[in-house]
N, C-alpha and C. Protein backbone atom coordinates (compact mmCIF):
# COMPACT_ATOMS: atom_id res chain seq x y z
N MET A 1 0.81 -1.20 0.00
CA MET A 1 0.00 0.00 0.00
C MET A 1 0.85 1.26 0.00
N ILE A 2 2.08 1.16 0.46
CA ILE A 2 2.93 2.35 0.51
C ILE A 2 3.14 2.90 -0.89
N ILE A 3 3.32 2.03 -1.88
CA ILE A 3 3.52 2.48 -3.25
C ILE A 3 2.27 3.20 -3.75
N ILE A 4 1.11 2.62 -3.50
CA ILE A 4 -0.15 3.23 -3.94
C ILE A 4 -0.37 4.55 -3.22
N ASP A 5 -0.18 4.56 -1.90
CA ASP A 5 -0.36 5.79 -1.14
C ASP A 5 0.57 6.89 -1.64
N SER A 6 1.80 6.54 -1.94
CA SER A 6 2.77 7.52 -2.44
C SER A 6 2.36 8.05 -3.81
N ALA A 7 1.88 7.16 -4.67
CA ALA A 7 1.44 7.58 -6.00
C ALA A 7 0.22 8.48 -5.91
N LEU A 8 -0.73 8.14 -5.05
CA LEU A 8 -1.92 8.98 -4.88
C LEU A 8 -1.55 10.33 -4.28
N LYS A 9 -0.63 10.34 -3.33
CA LYS A 9 -0.19 11.60 -2.74
C LYS A 9 0.44 12.50 -3.80
N ALA A 10 1.26 11.91 -4.67
CA ALA A 10 1.89 12.68 -5.74
C ALA A 10 0.84 13.24 -6.69
N ARG A 11 -0.19 12.44 -7.01
CA ARG A 11 -1.27 12.93 -7.88
C ARG A 11 -2.00 14.09 -7.21
N ALA A 12 -2.26 13.97 -5.91
CA ALA A 12 -2.95 15.05 -5.19
C ALA A 12 -2.12 16.32 -5.21
N GLU A 13 -0.83 16.19 -4.94
CA GLU A 13 0.05 17.37 -4.91
C GLU A 13 0.18 18.01 -6.28
N ALA A 14 0.09 17.21 -7.34
CA ALA A 14 0.18 17.73 -8.70
C ALA A 14 -1.16 18.30 -9.19
N GLY A 15 -2.21 18.13 -8.39
CA GLY A 15 -3.53 18.60 -8.81
C GLY A 15 -4.14 17.75 -9.90
N LYS A 16 -3.72 16.49 -9.99
CA LYS A 16 -4.22 15.58 -11.01
C LYS A 16 -4.71 14.28 -10.36
N PRO A 17 -5.81 14.38 -9.61
CA PRO A 17 -6.30 13.17 -8.94
C PRO A 17 -6.82 12.15 -9.96
N ILE A 18 -6.82 10.90 -9.54
CA ILE A 18 -7.45 9.86 -10.35
C ILE A 18 -8.95 10.03 -10.18
N ARG A 19 -9.65 10.17 -11.27
CA ARG A 19 -11.10 10.38 -11.24
C ARG A 19 -11.80 9.05 -11.45
N VAL A 20 -12.68 8.72 -10.52
CA VAL A 20 -13.38 7.45 -10.60
C VAL A 20 -14.89 7.67 -10.56
N GLY A 21 -15.60 6.71 -11.13
CA GLY A 21 -17.05 6.67 -11.06
C GLY A 21 -17.45 5.42 -10.31
N MET A 22 -18.65 5.43 -9.76
CA MET A 22 -19.12 4.30 -8.99
C MET A 22 -20.52 3.91 -9.46
N ILE A 23 -20.75 2.62 -9.58
CA ILE A 23 -22.07 2.11 -9.92
C ILE A 23 -22.65 1.49 -8.67
N GLY A 24 -23.79 2.02 -8.25
CA GLY A 24 -24.45 1.53 -7.06
C GLY A 24 -24.14 2.40 -5.85
N SER A 25 -25.18 2.74 -5.10
CA SER A 25 -24.96 3.58 -3.92
C SER A 25 -25.84 3.11 -2.76
N GLY A 26 -25.82 1.80 -2.56
CA GLY A 26 -26.50 1.23 -1.40
C GLY A 26 -25.65 1.47 -0.16
N PHE A 27 -25.87 0.67 0.86
CA PHE A 27 -25.16 0.84 2.13
C PHE A 27 -23.64 0.81 1.93
N MET A 28 -23.15 -0.22 1.25
CA MET A 28 -21.70 -0.34 1.02
C MET A 28 -21.20 0.79 0.12
N GLY A 29 -21.95 1.10 -0.92
CA GLY A 29 -21.55 2.16 -1.85
C GLY A 29 -21.42 3.50 -1.16
N ARG A 30 -22.36 3.80 -0.26
CA ARG A 30 -22.29 5.07 0.48
C ARG A 30 -21.03 5.12 1.35
N GLY A 31 -20.68 3.99 1.95
CA GLY A 31 -19.46 3.94 2.76
C GLY A 31 -18.21 4.13 1.92
N ILE A 32 -18.18 3.49 0.76
CA ILE A 32 -17.03 3.63 -0.14
C ILE A 32 -16.93 5.07 -0.65
N ALA A 33 -18.08 5.66 -1.01
CA ALA A 33 -18.08 7.05 -1.47
C ALA A 33 -17.52 7.97 -0.39
N ASN A 34 -17.97 7.78 0.83
CA ASN A 34 -17.49 8.59 1.94
C ASN A 34 -15.98 8.44 2.13
N GLN A 35 -15.50 7.22 2.03
CA GLN A 35 -14.07 6.98 2.20
C GLN A 35 -13.26 7.65 1.09
N ILE A 36 -13.69 7.49 -0.16
CA ILE A 36 -12.96 8.11 -1.27
C ILE A 36 -12.95 9.63 -1.12
N ILE A 37 -14.12 10.21 -0.86
CA ILE A 37 -14.23 11.67 -0.81
C ILE A 37 -13.46 12.27 0.35
N ASN A 38 -13.51 11.63 1.50
CA ASN A 38 -12.96 12.24 2.71
C ASN A 38 -11.62 11.68 3.18
N SER A 39 -11.20 10.54 2.64
CA SER A 39 -10.00 9.90 3.21
C SER A 39 -8.97 9.42 2.21
N VAL A 40 -9.19 9.67 0.92
CA VAL A 40 -8.23 9.18 -0.08
C VAL A 40 -7.73 10.35 -0.92
N PRO A 41 -6.69 11.04 -0.45
CA PRO A 41 -6.13 12.12 -1.26
C PRO A 41 -5.55 11.54 -2.55
N GLY A 42 -5.79 12.24 -3.64
CA GLY A 42 -5.30 11.78 -4.93
C GLY A 42 -6.33 11.00 -5.72
N MET A 43 -7.51 10.81 -5.14
CA MET A 43 -8.59 10.13 -5.84
C MET A 43 -9.85 10.97 -5.66
N GLU A 44 -10.63 11.09 -6.73
CA GLU A 44 -11.84 11.91 -6.70
C GLU A 44 -13.00 11.12 -7.28
N LEU A 45 -14.09 11.04 -6.53
CA LEU A 45 -15.30 10.36 -7.00
C LEU A 45 -16.12 11.37 -7.79
N VAL A 46 -16.06 11.29 -9.12
CA VAL A 46 -16.69 12.30 -9.97
C VAL A 46 -18.11 11.97 -10.38
N ALA A 47 -18.50 10.70 -10.29
CA ALA A 47 -19.85 10.33 -10.74
C ALA A 47 -20.34 9.08 -10.02
N ILE A 48 -21.64 9.08 -9.76
CA ILE A 48 -22.29 7.90 -9.19
C ILE A 48 -23.51 7.59 -10.04
N ALA A 49 -23.62 6.35 -10.46
CA ALA A 49 -24.80 5.88 -11.19
C ALA A 49 -25.57 4.93 -10.29
N ASN A 50 -26.87 5.11 -10.25
CA ASN A 50 -27.73 4.24 -9.45
C ASN A 50 -29.11 4.25 -10.08
N ARG A 51 -29.84 3.15 -9.94
CA ARG A 51 -31.20 3.10 -10.51
C ARG A 51 -32.08 4.19 -9.94
N ASN A 52 -31.84 4.57 -8.71
CA ASN A 52 -32.59 5.62 -8.05
C ASN A 52 -31.62 6.78 -7.80
N VAL A 53 -31.77 7.86 -8.54
CA VAL A 53 -30.80 8.96 -8.44
C VAL A 53 -30.81 9.62 -7.07
N GLU A 54 -31.93 9.54 -6.36
CA GLU A 54 -31.96 10.11 -5.02
C GLU A 54 -30.96 9.40 -4.11
N LYS A 55 -30.79 8.10 -4.30
CA LYS A 55 -29.81 7.37 -3.50
C LYS A 55 -28.38 7.75 -3.89
N ALA A 56 -28.16 8.03 -5.16
CA ALA A 56 -26.84 8.49 -5.60
C ALA A 56 -26.54 9.84 -4.96
N GLN A 57 -27.53 10.72 -4.95
CA GLN A 57 -27.34 12.03 -4.33
C GLN A 57 -27.11 11.88 -2.83
N ARG A 58 -27.82 10.95 -2.20
CA ARG A 58 -27.65 10.71 -0.77
C ARG A 58 -26.20 10.32 -0.45
N ALA A 59 -25.60 9.50 -1.30
CA ALA A 59 -24.21 9.09 -1.07
C ALA A 59 -23.29 10.31 -1.04
N TYR A 60 -23.47 11.21 -1.98
CA TYR A 60 -22.67 12.44 -1.98
C TYR A 60 -22.99 13.29 -0.76
N ASN A 61 -24.28 13.46 -0.47
CA ASN A 61 -24.68 14.30 0.66
C ASN A 61 -24.10 13.79 1.98
N GLU A 62 -24.15 12.48 2.19
CA GLU A 62 -23.62 11.92 3.44
C GLU A 62 -22.11 12.10 3.55
N ALA A 63 -21.45 12.28 2.43
CA ALA A 63 -20.00 12.51 2.43
C ALA A 63 -19.66 14.00 2.49
N GLY A 64 -20.69 14.85 2.57
CA GLY A 64 -20.46 16.28 2.69
C GLY A 64 -20.49 17.05 1.39
N ILE A 65 -20.92 16.42 0.31
CA ILE A 65 -21.00 17.08 -1.00
C ILE A 65 -22.46 17.41 -1.29
N ASP A 66 -22.75 18.69 -1.46
CA ASP A 66 -24.14 19.10 -1.70
C ASP A 66 -24.43 19.51 -3.13
N ASN A 67 -23.42 19.96 -3.86
CA ASN A 67 -23.67 20.42 -5.23
C ASN A 67 -23.40 19.29 -6.22
N VAL A 68 -24.46 18.59 -6.57
CA VAL A 68 -24.35 17.51 -7.55
C VAL A 68 -25.21 17.85 -8.75
N GLN A 69 -24.85 17.31 -9.88
CA GLN A 69 -25.54 17.61 -11.13
C GLN A 69 -26.08 16.32 -11.72
N PHE A 70 -27.38 16.30 -12.03
CA PHE A 70 -27.96 15.14 -12.71
C PHE A 70 -27.58 15.21 -14.18
N VAL A 71 -27.09 14.10 -14.72
CA VAL A 71 -26.74 14.03 -16.14
C VAL A 71 -27.45 12.84 -16.75
N ASN A 72 -27.79 12.97 -18.03
CA ASN A 72 -28.45 11.83 -18.70
C ASN A 72 -27.85 11.54 -20.07
N SER A 73 -26.63 12.02 -20.29
CA SER A 73 -25.93 11.68 -21.53
C SER A 73 -24.43 11.71 -21.28
N THR A 74 -23.70 11.08 -22.16
CA THR A 74 -22.24 11.07 -22.05
C THR A 74 -21.68 12.48 -22.15
N THR A 75 -22.25 13.28 -23.03
CA THR A 75 -21.79 14.66 -23.19
C THR A 75 -21.99 15.45 -21.91
N GLN A 76 -23.15 15.31 -21.28
CA GLN A 76 -23.40 16.02 -20.02
C GLN A 76 -22.45 15.55 -18.93
N LEU A 77 -22.17 14.26 -18.90
CA LEU A 77 -21.24 13.72 -17.91
C LEU A 77 -19.84 14.31 -18.13
N GLU A 78 -19.38 14.30 -19.36
CA GLU A 78 -18.05 14.85 -19.66
C GLU A 78 -17.98 16.33 -19.31
N ASP A 79 -19.05 17.08 -19.61
CA ASP A 79 -19.09 18.50 -19.28
C ASP A 79 -19.05 18.72 -17.76
N ALA A 80 -19.79 17.90 -17.02
CA ALA A 80 -19.80 18.02 -15.56
C ALA A 80 -18.40 17.76 -15.00
N ILE A 81 -17.76 16.72 -15.47
CA ILE A 81 -16.42 16.39 -14.99
C ILE A 81 -15.43 17.49 -15.35
N ALA A 82 -15.51 18.00 -16.58
CA ALA A 82 -14.61 19.07 -17.02
C ALA A 82 -14.81 20.34 -16.19
N SER A 83 -16.03 20.54 -15.68
CA SER A 83 -16.34 21.73 -14.87
C SER A 83 -16.12 21.49 -13.38
N ASN A 84 -15.53 20.35 -13.04
CA ASN A 84 -15.29 19.98 -11.64
C ASN A 84 -16.56 19.87 -10.83
N ASN A 85 -17.64 19.42 -11.47
CA ASN A 85 -18.90 19.16 -10.79
C ASN A 85 -19.04 17.67 -10.54
N TYR A 86 -19.77 17.32 -9.51
CA TYR A 86 -20.06 15.93 -9.22
C TYR A 86 -21.33 15.54 -9.96
N ALA A 87 -21.34 14.36 -10.56
CA ALA A 87 -22.46 13.95 -11.40
C ALA A 87 -23.15 12.72 -10.83
N ILE A 88 -24.47 12.70 -11.01
CA ILE A 88 -25.26 11.51 -10.69
C ILE A 88 -26.11 11.18 -11.90
N THR A 89 -26.41 9.91 -12.06
CA THR A 89 -27.24 9.48 -13.17
C THR A 89 -27.89 8.16 -12.83
N ASP A 90 -28.89 7.83 -13.63
CA ASP A 90 -29.51 6.52 -13.49
C ASP A 90 -29.10 5.71 -14.69
């Protein structure tokens, strides 16, 4: 883990975090989202997809993120990520 932690730290310091998306935001997903957002420097959770978008938004909200954007196309998702916005979709 030291190698991974060091690589993530370097990405964070360079302002180039690894951007990840997550499918599913049930109990486990919300915990993973919280961990990535609040405890993993160098990694950024940019999008959550869930059948119920309210649950995707809940995952962000529970991690302290309130400004999320609903997207329903690849173009909207790419625009949200490029604008440093958090995206949710079904």
